[in-house]
Amino acid sequence: MYAKFFFMKSHTLTFQFLAQPTDVNFGGKVHGGTVMTWIDQTGYACARNWAGSYCVTVYVGGIKFYKAIHIGEIVRVDATILHTGSTSMHMVVEVFSKPIEADDFVKKTQCIIVFVAVDTKGKPTAVPKWTPETEVQKKLEQYVLKLKKAREEMIDELEVYLP
């Protein structure tokens, strides 16, 4: 008999795991590219769960690396949807870590990432609307809308210089 799993839609998702020896660079710290992979994977899982369909990454920006992550630390990656468009989900992804014996996680990296839900033909498809409820959520949604507008203006400006 096969088990059937049902997932409740949530605008948040968390992954936790140990930083592995294969994750480090020559300096003995976790590769920035590895952290970016974790961000994309966690963001994808959150977007996929919310949208109920396949999703593609369309933007990653404002990535900030605060501190290094070391082998053997427990890593926690939190993805939180801050705004939904008609087919897109804008979210913040934060990466934390801590030594196993420590009580508290420390923020190591954060960024904004945008996914678009697509159908089986790769065409954008509608996503459920997420509505912020708390004052903090409302302010964060306004923040990502401000970032979206700035991105669009920067892209328009850049187009002038590209062939």
Protein backbone atom coordinates (compact mmCIF):
# COMPACT_ATOMS: atom_id res chain seq x y z
CA MET A 1 0.00 0.00 0.00
CA TYR A 2 1.25 3.47 -0.87
CA ALA A 3 1.04 6.37 1.53
CA LYS A 4 -0.47 9.55 0.19
CA PHE A 5 0.86 12.78 1.61
CA PHE A 6 -1.02 16.03 1.69
CA PHE A 7 0.77 19.31 2.20
CA MET A 8 -0.95 22.33 3.61
CA LYS A 9 -0.19 25.46 1.62
CA SER A 10 2.15 27.64 3.58
CA HIS A 11 3.94 30.86 2.69
CA THR A 12 6.99 29.63 4.62
CA LEU A 13 9.28 26.62 4.43
CA THR A 14 12.41 25.58 6.36
CA PHE A 15 15.18 23.11 5.54
CA GLN A 16 17.70 21.94 8.16
CA PHE A 17 20.81 19.82 7.63
CA LEU A 18 24.51 19.53 8.50
CA ALA A 19 27.16 21.34 6.47
CA GLN A 20 29.20 18.55 4.84
CA PRO A 21 32.94 18.29 4.07
CA THR A 22 32.07 18.34 0.35
CA ASP A 23 30.51 21.81 0.81
CA VAL A 24 33.75 23.63 1.63
CA ASN A 25 36.20 25.66 -0.43
CA PHE A 26 40.01 25.81 -0.14
CA GLY A 27 39.66 28.24 2.77
CA GLY A 28 37.78 25.64 4.82
CA LYS A 29 34.46 27.50 4.69
CA VAL A 30 31.27 26.54 2.84
CA HIS A 31 31.34 27.70 -0.81
CA GLY A 32 29.20 30.75 -1.57
CA GLY A 33 27.89 28.82 -4.57
CA THR A 34 26.80 25.98 -2.30
CA VAL A 35 24.90 28.45 -0.11
CA MET A 36 23.28 29.85 -3.26
CA THR A 37 22.20 26.32 -4.23
CA TRP A 38 20.61 25.85 -0.80
CA ILE A 39 18.79 29.17 -1.26
CA ASP A 40 17.47 28.13 -4.67
CA GLN A 41 16.41 24.67 -3.48
CA THR A 42 14.59 25.97 -0.40
CA GLY A 43 13.00 28.80 -2.35
CA TYR A 44 11.89 26.35 -5.05
CA ALA A 45 10.32 24.00 -2.49
CA CYS A 46 8.43 26.91 -0.91
CA ALA A 47 7.29 28.23 -4.31
CA ARG A 48 6.30 24.77 -5.55
CA ASN A 49 4.30 24.09 -2.41
CA TRP A 50 2.50 27.44 -2.68
CA ALA A 51 1.85 27.34 -6.42
CA GLY A 52 1.02 23.67 -6.72
CA SER A 53 2.95 23.52 -10.00
CA TYR A 54 6.49 23.53 -11.33
CA CYS A 55 8.30 26.84 -10.77
CA VAL A 56 11.37 28.48 -12.26
CA THR A 57 13.75 30.97 -10.70
CA VAL A 58 13.56 34.31 -12.53
CA TYR A 59 15.48 36.59 -10.21
CA VAL A 60 17.95 36.41 -7.34
CA GLY A 61 19.23 39.65 -5.92
CA GLY A 62 20.48 41.52 -2.93
CA ILE A 63 22.40 38.48 -1.73
CA LYS A 64 24.37 39.34 1.37
CA PHE A 65 26.91 37.02 2.97
CA TYR A 66 27.38 38.01 6.62
CA LYS A 67 29.52 35.24 8.10
CA ALA A 68 31.09 31.96 7.05
CA ILE A 69 29.49 28.56 7.60
CA HIS A 70 31.77 25.75 8.81
CA ILE A 71 31.76 21.98 8.32
CA GLY A 72 29.58 20.19 10.85
CA GLU A 73 27.41 23.18 11.69
CA ILE A 74 23.66 22.77 11.61
CA VAL A 75 22.32 24.87 8.75
CA ARG A 76 18.78 26.24 8.64
CA VAL A 77 17.39 27.82 5.47
CA ASP A 78 14.09 29.71 5.77
CA ALA A 79 12.05 30.80 2.74
CA THR A 80 9.17 33.21 3.22
CA ILE A 81 6.82 34.51 0.54
CA LEU A 82 6.48 38.27 0.83
CA HIS A 83 4.36 38.99 -2.26
CA THR A 84 2.53 37.12 -4.99
CA GLY A 85 1.85 38.49 -8.44
CA SER A 86 -0.41 36.81 -10.95
CA THR A 87 2.21 34.13 -11.75
CA SER A 88 5.14 35.07 -9.50
CA MET A 89 6.18 34.61 -5.89
CA HIS A 90 8.65 37.05 -4.35
CA MET A 91 10.36 35.77 -1.23
CA VAL A 92 13.17 36.33 1.19
CA VAL A 93 15.46 33.40 1.87
CA GLU A 94 17.63 33.52 4.98
CA VAL A 95 20.43 31.12 5.86
CA PHE A 96 21.40 30.52 9.49
CA SER A 97 23.87 28.14 11.09
CA LYS A 98 25.21 27.12 14.48
CA PRO A 99 27.63 24.66 15.98
CA ILE A 100 25.76 21.56 17.17
CA GLU A 101 26.39 22.40 20.81
CA ALA A 102 25.15 26.01 20.48
CA ASP A 103 21.63 27.05 21.40
CA ASP A 104 21.06 29.84 18.90
CA PHE A 105 21.32 30.10 15.14
CA VAL A 106 23.22 33.04 13.63
CA LYS A 107 22.16 34.62 10.33
CA LYS A 108 24.84 33.97 7.69
CA THR A 109 23.21 34.94 4.37
CA GLN A 110 20.02 36.45 2.98
CA CYS A 111 18.58 37.39 -0.40
CA ILE A 112 15.44 38.12 -2.36
CA ILE A 113 14.41 35.50 -4.91
CA VAL A 114 11.51 35.42 -7.37
CA PHE A 115 9.93 32.32 -8.86
CA VAL A 116 7.32 32.03 -11.61
CA ALA A 117 4.93 29.09 -11.76
CA VAL A 118 4.78 27.40 -15.15
CA ASP A 119 2.53 24.82 -16.76
CA THR A 120 3.61 21.64 -18.54
CA LYS A 121 4.43 23.68 -21.67
CA GLY A 122 6.63 26.12 -19.75
CA LYS A 123 4.11 28.96 -19.92
CA PRO A 124 3.52 31.11 -16.83
CA THR A 125 0.47 30.00 -14.87
CA ALA A 126 -1.55 31.63 -12.10
CA VAL A 127 -0.57 31.25 -8.46
CA PRO A 128 -2.81 31.58 -5.41
CA LYS A 129 -2.79 35.06 -3.92
CA TRP A 130 -0.96 35.45 -0.64
CA THR A 131 -2.24 38.28 1.53
CA PRO A 132 -0.05 39.69 4.30
CA GLU A 133 -1.78 39.71 7.67
CA THR A 134 0.59 41.34 10.14
CA GLU A 135 2.04 44.85 10.01
CA VAL A 136 5.51 43.38 9.49
CA GLN A 137 4.28 41.25 6.58
CA LYS A 138 2.60 44.31 5.03
CA LYS A 139 5.80 46.35 5.35
CA LEU A 140 7.88 43.53 3.85
CA GLU A 141 5.47 43.26 0.91
CA GLN A 142 5.81 47.01 0.30
CA TYR A 143 9.60 46.60 0.46
CA VAL A 144 9.66 43.91 -2.25
CA LEU A 145 7.30 45.96 -4.44
CA LYS A 146 9.72 48.87 -4.12
CA LEU A 147 12.60 46.54 -5.08
CA LYS A 148 10.60 45.24 -8.04
CA LYS A 149 10.05 48.76 -9.34
CA ALA A 150 13.74 49.63 -8.91
CA ARG A 151 14.76 46.41 -10.75
CA GLU A 152 12.48 47.24 -13.66
CA GLU A 153 13.92 50.76 -13.90
CA MET A 154 17.49 49.45 -13.77
CA ILE A 155 16.79 46.89 -16.50
CA ASP A 156 15.23 49.58 -18.71
CA GLU A 157 18.29 51.78 -18.17
CA LEU A 158 20.70 48.93 -18.93
CA GLU A 159 18.92 48.04 -22.20
CA VAL A 160 20.17 51.35 -23.67
CA TYR A 161 23.77 50.12 -23.39
CA LEU A 162 23.32 46.54 -24.57
CA PRO A 163 23.40 45.64 -28.27
